[in-house]
Amino acid sequence: MNDNNRRLTRHLTNAEAQTAVILSTEGYNQVRIAQILNVTQSSVSRVLRRYRETEAFSRRPGQGRPRVTTAAQDRFLRLQTLRNRTTTARNLQNALRRTYQVRISDQTVRNRLREYELRPRRATTGPRLTRQHRVHRLAFAREHLHWRAADWGTVLFTDESRFTLSTNDRRVRVYRRPGTRFVQGHIRQLDAYGGGGIMVWGGINFRGRTDLHIVQHGTLNAERYITDILQEYVIPFAPFVGDNFILMHDNARPHTARIVTGFLRDTNIDVMDWPARSPDLNPIKHMWDALGRAVRGRLNPPETLEQLSEALIEEWNRISEQYVQNLILSMRRRCRAVVTARGGNTRY
């Protein structure tokens, strides 16, 4: 699809028509003017031709198909959409008919909303945040907003993640012709529950990272978290950071169990007071994303859980130190984003 097909074929407003004429007199060609106004070249050509013939920016009376909605009805559609962002063109069509007794098509609804730069897009997902969650997130972000790189360098960011043999992250594309969506070769076949998977644990710090731990034989409960994670990885890593070492882990039940908090207190490990439901604040989440892409992009993707474990460990160690450091340095931007969102979800 070329650029003209993506731009709007529409009549320009008087202000846009005037802009097109001014740009033309300054030496801009029609293609460049169309790019600036985000319309097709034919729309610009009509305006320039009309100006040469009439020396007017406005359309001739009676030109074009009469508009079936009034300005008030257009505002009604816009306000209904802003009040309910998940509504559909059909729902808006019915609401307009009930209120104004005006019948328009679904496409006309979309055209009117497009004039306000409102287009349907895939919704971004994020954790459900209550008012209390937002308050705690905002307080954390404000408290750490002015931390320097050296301050964040004392923190070991940790997390668990699950990887499966087959996933559907909707990033895979297939080249096909129209009408062949369900041809067998165009369907990405997936196994139920991802074909099996494994749980891993890891930690990152500005000065390095821990080894990737594969959680074997069941789930990670509080007892195993102490013996398999804290004793094997966190305690040995603390001297590497220094006396100001801080452990960051989320509020999962194995992390906040009484025996875990007691163990950390007895071993003099400071734990960062982490706000609940804040994956966007934890930079290691992007490590999991990079790790998953690296495993899927291997020349010979893993076909068994044993191969998956080996691939995860290899790709974990291959992620560059610069990438890890950039993730740590993003903490100030993450805190700023939470403050801007008043504790709500962010793009991270």
Protein backbone atom coordinates (compact mmCIF):
# COMPACT_ATOMS: atom_id res chain seq x y z
CA MET A 1 0.00 0.00 0.00
CA ASN A 2 1.47 3.35 -1.00
CA ASP A 3 1.37 6.60 0.98
CA ASN A 4 -1.56 8.02 -1.03
CA ASN A 5 -3.77 5.07 -0.04
CA ARG A 6 -3.04 5.70 3.61
CA ARG A 7 -3.87 9.39 3.40
CA LEU A 8 -7.39 10.76 3.44
CA THR A 9 -9.27 11.47 0.24
CA ARG A 10 -11.46 14.33 1.41
CA HIS A 11 -12.38 17.96 0.80
CA LEU A 12 -10.04 20.40 2.48
CA THR A 13 -11.31 23.06 4.85
CA ASN A 14 -10.94 26.70 3.88
CA ALA A 15 -7.90 27.04 6.13
CA GLU A 16 -6.29 23.92 4.65
CA ALA A 17 -7.07 25.11 1.13
CA GLN A 18 -5.43 28.44 1.87
CA THR A 19 -2.38 26.62 3.25
CA ALA A 20 -2.17 24.49 0.10
CA VAL A 21 -2.27 27.59 -2.14
CA ILE A 22 0.40 29.36 -0.09
CA LEU A 23 2.68 26.31 -0.18
CA SER A 24 2.15 26.04 -3.93
CA THR A 25 3.18 29.66 -4.49
CA GLU A 26 6.30 29.02 -2.39
CA GLY A 27 7.38 26.27 -4.76
CA TYR A 28 6.13 23.12 -3.03
CA ASN A 29 4.86 20.45 -5.41
CA GLN A 30 1.51 18.74 -4.94
CA VAL A 31 3.02 15.54 -3.52
CA ARG A 32 4.80 17.44 -0.75
CA ILE A 33 1.71 19.54 0.03
CA ALA A 34 -0.36 16.35 0.29
CA GLN A 35 2.17 14.92 2.76
CA ILE A 36 2.02 18.05 4.92
CA LEU A 37 -1.81 18.10 5.00
CA ASN A 38 -2.13 14.29 5.23
CA VAL A 39 -4.42 14.08 2.22
CA THR A 40 -4.12 12.57 -1.23
CA GLN A 41 -2.55 14.42 -4.12
CA SER A 42 -5.91 14.48 -5.89
CA SER A 43 -7.40 16.48 -2.99
CA VAL A 44 -4.65 19.07 -3.34
CA SER A 45 -5.02 19.13 -7.12
CA ARG A 46 -8.74 19.92 -6.85
CA VAL A 47 -8.08 22.82 -4.48
CA LEU A 48 -5.38 24.37 -6.66
CA ARG A 49 -7.48 23.99 -9.81
CA ARG A 50 -10.50 25.59 -8.11
CA TYR A 51 -8.36 28.49 -6.90
CA ARG A 52 -7.01 29.11 -10.40
CA GLU A 53 -10.55 29.15 -11.79
CA THR A 54 -12.37 31.11 -9.07
CA GLU A 55 -9.64 32.63 -6.87
CA ALA A 56 -11.64 31.30 -3.91
CA PHE A 57 -10.74 28.79 -1.21
CA SER A 58 -14.27 27.60 -0.44
CA ARG A 59 -16.09 24.95 -2.46
CA ARG A 60 -18.67 25.94 -5.04
CA PRO A 61 -22.26 25.94 -3.74
CA GLY A 62 -23.92 22.57 -4.16
CA GLN A 63 -20.67 20.80 -4.98
CA GLY A 64 -20.37 17.28 -3.64
CA ARG A 65 -22.75 15.05 -1.77
CA PRO A 66 -24.80 16.85 0.93
CA ARG A 67 -23.63 16.16 4.48
CA VAL A 68 -26.19 14.00 6.29
CA THR A 69 -25.22 15.09 9.82
CA THR A 70 -25.19 18.50 11.43
CA ALA A 71 -22.41 19.98 13.54
CA ALA A 72 -24.41 19.20 16.69
CA GLN A 73 -24.81 15.56 15.64
CA ASP A 74 -21.09 15.32 14.90
CA ARG A 75 -20.33 16.61 18.39
CA PHE A 76 -22.78 14.08 19.80
CA LEU A 77 -20.87 11.23 18.16
CA ARG A 78 -17.57 12.60 19.43
CA LEU A 79 -18.77 13.03 23.02
CA GLN A 80 -20.37 9.58 23.09
CA THR A 81 -17.05 8.10 21.96
CA LEU A 82 -15.00 10.02 24.52
CA ARG A 83 -17.33 8.92 27.31
CA ASN A 84 -17.15 5.27 26.30
CA ARG A 85 -13.87 4.51 24.56
CA THR A 86 -14.79 0.89 23.84
CA THR A 87 -18.03 1.65 22.01
CA THR A 88 -18.58 0.54 18.41
CA ALA A 89 -19.70 2.32 15.25
CA ARG A 90 -22.94 0.32 15.34
CA ASN A 91 -23.69 1.43 18.91
CA LEU A 92 -23.06 5.05 17.95
CA GLN A 93 -25.26 4.68 14.89
CA ASN A 94 -28.12 3.41 17.07
CA ALA A 95 -27.58 6.14 19.68
CA LEU A 96 -27.76 8.83 16.99
CA ARG A 97 -30.97 7.35 15.59
CA ARG A 98 -32.61 7.25 19.04
CA THR A 99 -31.61 10.83 19.88
CA TYR A 100 -31.95 12.64 16.54
CA GLN A 101 -34.00 10.19 14.41
CA VAL A 102 -31.18 10.26 11.84
CA ARG A 103 -30.06 7.13 10.03
CA ILE A 104 -26.45 6.93 8.92
CA SER A 105 -24.16 4.04 8.04
CA ASP A 106 -21.40 2.59 10.21
CA GLN A 107 -18.85 3.99 7.77
CA THR A 108 -20.30 7.50 8.10
CA VAL A 109 -19.83 7.22 11.86
CA ARG A 110 -16.19 6.24 11.36
CA ASN A 111 -15.72 9.12 8.91
CA ARG A 112 -17.09 11.64 11.40
CA LEU A 113 -14.86 10.36 14.19
CA ARG A 114 -11.86 10.37 11.88
CA GLU A 115 -12.38 14.12 11.44
CA TYR A 116 -11.66 14.40 15.19
CA GLU A 117 -8.65 12.06 14.80
CA LEU A 118 -10.49 9.30 16.65
CA ARG A 119 -9.72 5.87 15.20
CA PRO A 120 -10.32 2.40 16.64
CA ARG A 121 -7.07 0.80 17.77
CA ARG A 122 -6.09 -2.28 19.72
CA ALA A 123 -6.30 -1.49 23.44
CA THR A 124 -3.14 -1.62 25.52
CA THR A 125 -3.32 -4.04 28.44
CA GLY A 126 -2.28 -3.29 32.01
CA PRO A 127 -3.01 -4.37 35.57
CA ARG A 128 -6.24 -3.27 37.18
CA LEU A 129 -5.41 -0.42 39.57
CA THR A 130 -7.59 0.64 42.47
CA ARG A 131 -7.34 4.07 44.04
CA GLN A 132 -5.13 2.63 46.78
CA HIS A 133 -2.80 1.12 44.18
CA ARG A 134 -2.47 4.45 42.41
CA VAL A 135 -1.78 6.27 45.68
CA HIS A 136 1.03 3.86 46.60
CA ARG A 137 2.51 3.93 43.11
CA LEU A 138 2.48 7.72 43.06
CA ALA A 139 4.11 7.92 46.50
CA PHE A 140 6.87 5.51 45.42
CA ALA A 141 7.53 7.40 42.19
CA ARG A 142 7.75 10.75 43.96
CA GLU A 143 10.08 9.33 46.61
CA HIS A 144 12.47 7.89 44.03
CA LEU A 145 12.06 10.45 41.26
CA HIS A 146 15.38 12.14 42.00
CA TRP A 147 17.44 9.03 42.67
CA ARG A 148 20.69 9.10 40.74
CA ALA A 149 22.25 6.26 38.78
CA ALA A 150 24.47 5.49 41.78
CA ASP A 151 21.40 5.09 43.98
CA TRP A 152 19.73 2.67 41.59
CA GLY A 153 23.05 0.87 41.24
CA THR A 154 22.61 -0.51 44.76
CA VAL A 155 19.36 -2.29 43.85
CA LEU A 156 19.08 -5.87 42.64
CA PHE A 157 15.89 -6.07 40.58
CA THR A 158 14.48 -9.60 40.63
CA ASP A 159 11.47 -11.36 39.20
CA GLU A 160 10.08 -14.69 38.02
CA SER A 161 8.71 -15.41 34.58
CA ARG A 162 7.26 -18.36 32.71
CA PHE A 163 8.33 -19.39 29.21
CA THR A 164 6.55 -21.93 27.01
CA LEU A 165 7.60 -23.85 23.93
CA SER A 166 5.05 -22.04 21.77
CA THR A 167 3.52 -18.63 22.37
CA ASN A 168 1.18 -16.32 20.51
CA ASP A 169 2.35 -12.75 21.08
CA ARG A 170 0.61 -11.62 17.84
CA ARG A 171 3.89 -10.35 16.42
CA VAL A 172 4.21 -13.09 13.79
CA ARG A 173 3.02 -12.00 10.35
CA VAL A 174 2.22 -14.13 7.30
CA TYR A 175 2.36 -13.04 3.66
CA ARG A 176 -0.85 -14.08 1.92
CA ARG A 177 -3.31 -12.97 -0.71
CA PRO A 178 -6.79 -11.65 0.09
CA GLY A 179 -9.32 -14.36 0.87
CA THR A 180 -6.71 -16.94 1.95
CA ARG A 181 -6.76 -16.29 5.69
CA PHE A 182 -7.73 -19.85 6.60
CA VAL A 183 -5.55 -21.68 4.09
CA GLN A 184 -3.67 -24.34 6.04
CA GLY A 185 -0.23 -22.92 5.34
CA HIS A 186 -1.30 -19.48 6.57
CA ILE A 187 -2.39 -20.62 10.04
CA ARG A 188 0.08 -20.57 12.91
CA GLN A 189 -0.73 -23.73 14.83
CA LEU A 190 -0.30 -23.53 18.60
CA ASP A 191 -0.29 -26.21 21.26
CA ALA A 192 -2.65 -26.05 24.20
CA TYR A 193 -1.06 -24.30 27.20
CA GLY A 194 1.94 -23.39 25.07
CA GLY A 195 3.07 -27.00 24.70
CA GLY A 196 4.48 -26.96 28.23
CA GLY A 197 6.71 -24.43 29.92
CA ILE A 198 9.16 -23.67 32.68
CA MET A 199 9.47 -21.03 35.39
CA VAL A 200 12.68 -19.05 35.73
CA TRP A 201 14.06 -16.52 38.22
CA GLY A 202 16.69 -13.87 37.62
CA GLY A 203 18.11 -10.62 38.94
CA ILE A 204 19.77 -7.63 37.31
CA ASN A 205 21.93 -4.86 38.72
CA PHE A 206 23.85 -1.98 37.18
CA ARG A 207 27.09 -3.91 37.76
CA GLY A 208 25.91 -7.28 36.50
CA ARG A 209 23.28 -9.97 36.78
CA THR A 210 22.68 -13.21 38.62
CA ASP A 211 22.67 -16.57 36.94
CA LEU A 212 19.31 -17.57 35.53
CA HIS A 213 17.63 -20.09 37.82
CA ILE A 214 15.34 -22.74 36.38
CA VAL A 215 12.59 -23.61 38.85
CA GLN A 216 12.41 -27.39 38.84
CA HIS A 217 9.70 -29.73 40.12
CA GLY A 218 6.70 -27.65 40.96
CA THR A 219 6.04 -24.08 42.02
CA LEU A 220 8.22 -21.66 43.93
CA ASN A 221 6.84 -21.50 47.48
CA ALA A 222 8.25 -19.55 50.43
CA GLU A 223 10.53 -22.34 51.63
CA ARG A 224 12.01 -22.92 48.20
CA TYR A 225 12.35 -19.18 47.68
CA ILE A 226 14.64 -19.06 50.70
CA THR A 227 16.74 -22.14 49.91
CA ASP A 228 16.81 -22.00 46.10
CA ILE A 229 16.88 -18.24 45.49
CA LEU A 230 17.85 -16.14 48.49
CA GLN A 231 20.59 -18.43 49.80
CA GLU A 232 21.92 -19.48 46.41
CA TYR A 233 21.83 -16.16 44.53
CA VAL A 234 20.84 -13.09 46.54
CA ILE A 235 23.07 -13.55 49.60
CA PRO A 236 26.22 -14.24 47.50
CA PHE A 237 25.40 -11.29 45.22
CA ALA A 238 25.00 -8.73 48.02
CA PRO A 239 28.76 -8.26 48.75
CA PHE A 240 29.31 -7.66 45.06
CA VAL A 241 27.10 -4.55 45.29
CA GLY A 242 28.32 -3.27 48.66
CA ASP A 243 27.06 -2.27 52.07
CA ASN A 244 24.05 -0.38 50.68
CA PHE A 245 22.65 -3.42 48.91
CA ILE A 246 18.85 -3.37 48.41
CA LEU A 247 16.74 -6.29 47.20
CA MET A 248 13.77 -5.53 45.00
CA HIS A 249 11.10 -8.19 44.63
CA ASP A 250 7.38 -7.77 44.06
CA ASN A 251 4.54 -8.60 46.41
CA ALA A 252 4.00 -12.20 45.30
CA ARG A 253 3.01 -14.46 48.19
CA PRO A 254 6.33 -16.39 48.38
CA HIS A 255 8.18 -13.06 48.70
CA THR A 256 6.05 -11.63 51.50
CA ALA A 257 5.60 -14.78 53.61
CA ARG A 258 6.51 -14.40 57.27
CA ILE A 259 9.40 -16.85 57.12
CA VAL A 260 10.85 -14.97 54.13
CA THR A 261 10.66 -11.54 55.78
CA GLY A 262 12.18 -13.04 58.93
CA PHE A 263 15.04 -14.59 56.97
CA LEU A 264 15.81 -11.32 55.19
CA ARG A 265 15.74 -9.45 58.49
CA ASP A 266 18.09 -11.95 60.13
CA THR A 267 20.54 -11.73 57.22
CA ASN A 268 20.46 -7.89 57.19
CA ILE A 269 19.11 -7.69 53.64
CA ASP A 270 17.22 -4.44 53.03
CA VAL A 271 14.12 -4.86 50.88
CA MET A 272 12.70 -2.07 48.75
CA ASP A 273 9.12 -1.14 49.66
CA TRP A 274 7.59 -2.02 46.31
CA PRO A 275 4.09 -0.82 45.32
CA ALA A 276 1.66 -3.57 44.35
CA ARG A 277 0.72 -4.13 40.70
CA SER A 278 3.66 -2.19 39.32
CA PRO A 279 5.30 -4.33 36.61
CA ASP A 280 5.90 -1.17 34.57
CA LEU A 281 8.30 0.04 37.27
CA ASN A 282 10.40 -3.13 37.25
CA PRO A 283 13.02 -2.97 34.47
CA ILE A 284 13.63 -6.71 34.51
CA LYS A 285 10.26 -7.16 32.79
CA HIS A 286 11.94 -5.92 29.61
CA MET A 287 14.68 -8.50 30.14
CA TRP A 288 12.05 -11.23 29.94
CA ASP A 289 10.71 -9.74 26.73
CA ALA A 290 14.20 -9.57 25.20
CA LEU A 291 14.95 -13.09 26.39
CA GLY A 292 11.78 -14.49 24.84
CA ARG A 293 12.50 -12.82 21.50
CA ALA A 294 16.04 -14.14 21.50
CA VAL A 295 14.89 -17.72 22.14
CA ARG A 296 12.19 -17.55 19.46
CA GLY A 297 14.68 -16.07 17.00
CA ARG A 298 17.21 -18.88 17.29
CA LEU A 299 18.12 -20.74 14.12
CA ASN A 300 16.84 -23.96 15.71
CA PRO A 301 14.11 -23.04 18.21
CA PRO A 302 13.78 -25.41 21.20
CA GLU A 303 11.39 -28.31 20.78
CA THR A 304 11.62 -29.86 24.26
CA LEU A 305 11.60 -28.40 27.76
CA GLU A 306 15.23 -29.43 28.22
CA GLN A 307 16.20 -27.56 25.07
CA LEU A 308 14.13 -24.59 26.22
CA SER A 309 16.01 -24.48 29.53
CA GLU A 310 19.38 -24.57 27.79
CA ALA A 311 18.34 -21.90 25.30
CA LEU A 312 17.07 -19.58 28.04
CA ILE A 313 20.31 -19.82 30.00
CA GLU A 314 22.43 -19.25 26.89
CA GLU A 315 20.42 -16.25 25.70
CA TRP A 316 20.25 -14.78 29.22
CA ASN A 317 24.04 -14.68 29.35
CA ARG A 318 24.25 -13.21 25.84
CA ILE A 319 22.18 -10.11 26.61
CA SER A 320 24.66 -7.25 26.63
CA GLU A 321 25.69 -5.42 29.79
CA GLN A 322 24.89 -2.14 28.06
CA TYR A 323 21.28 -3.26 27.57
CA VAL A 324 21.00 -4.15 31.26
CA GLN A 325 22.50 -0.82 32.33
CA ASN A 326 20.12 1.08 30.06
CA LEU A 327 17.20 -0.68 31.74
CA ILE A 328 18.45 0.38 35.18
CA LEU A 329 18.97 3.94 33.99
CA SER A 330 15.35 4.03 32.78
CA MET A 331 14.09 4.07 36.39
CA ARG A 332 13.97 7.86 36.54
CA ARG A 333 11.87 7.97 33.37
CA ARG A 334 9.59 5.27 34.74
CA CYS A 335 9.04 7.20 37.96
CA ARG A 336 8.39 10.38 36.01
CA ALA A 337 5.83 8.56 33.87
CA VAL A 338 3.99 7.31 36.97
CA VAL A 339 3.95 10.83 38.42
CA THR A 340 2.60 12.20 35.14
CA ALA A 341 -0.09 9.48 35.12
CA ARG A 342 -0.99 10.29 38.76
CA GLY A 343 -0.20 6.73 39.73
CA GLY A 344 -1.95 5.15 36.76
CA ASN A 345 -0.64 2.78 34.12
CA THR A 346 2.24 3.93 31.92
CA ARG A 347 3.70 3.00 28.54
CA TYR A 348 6.34 0.88 30.26
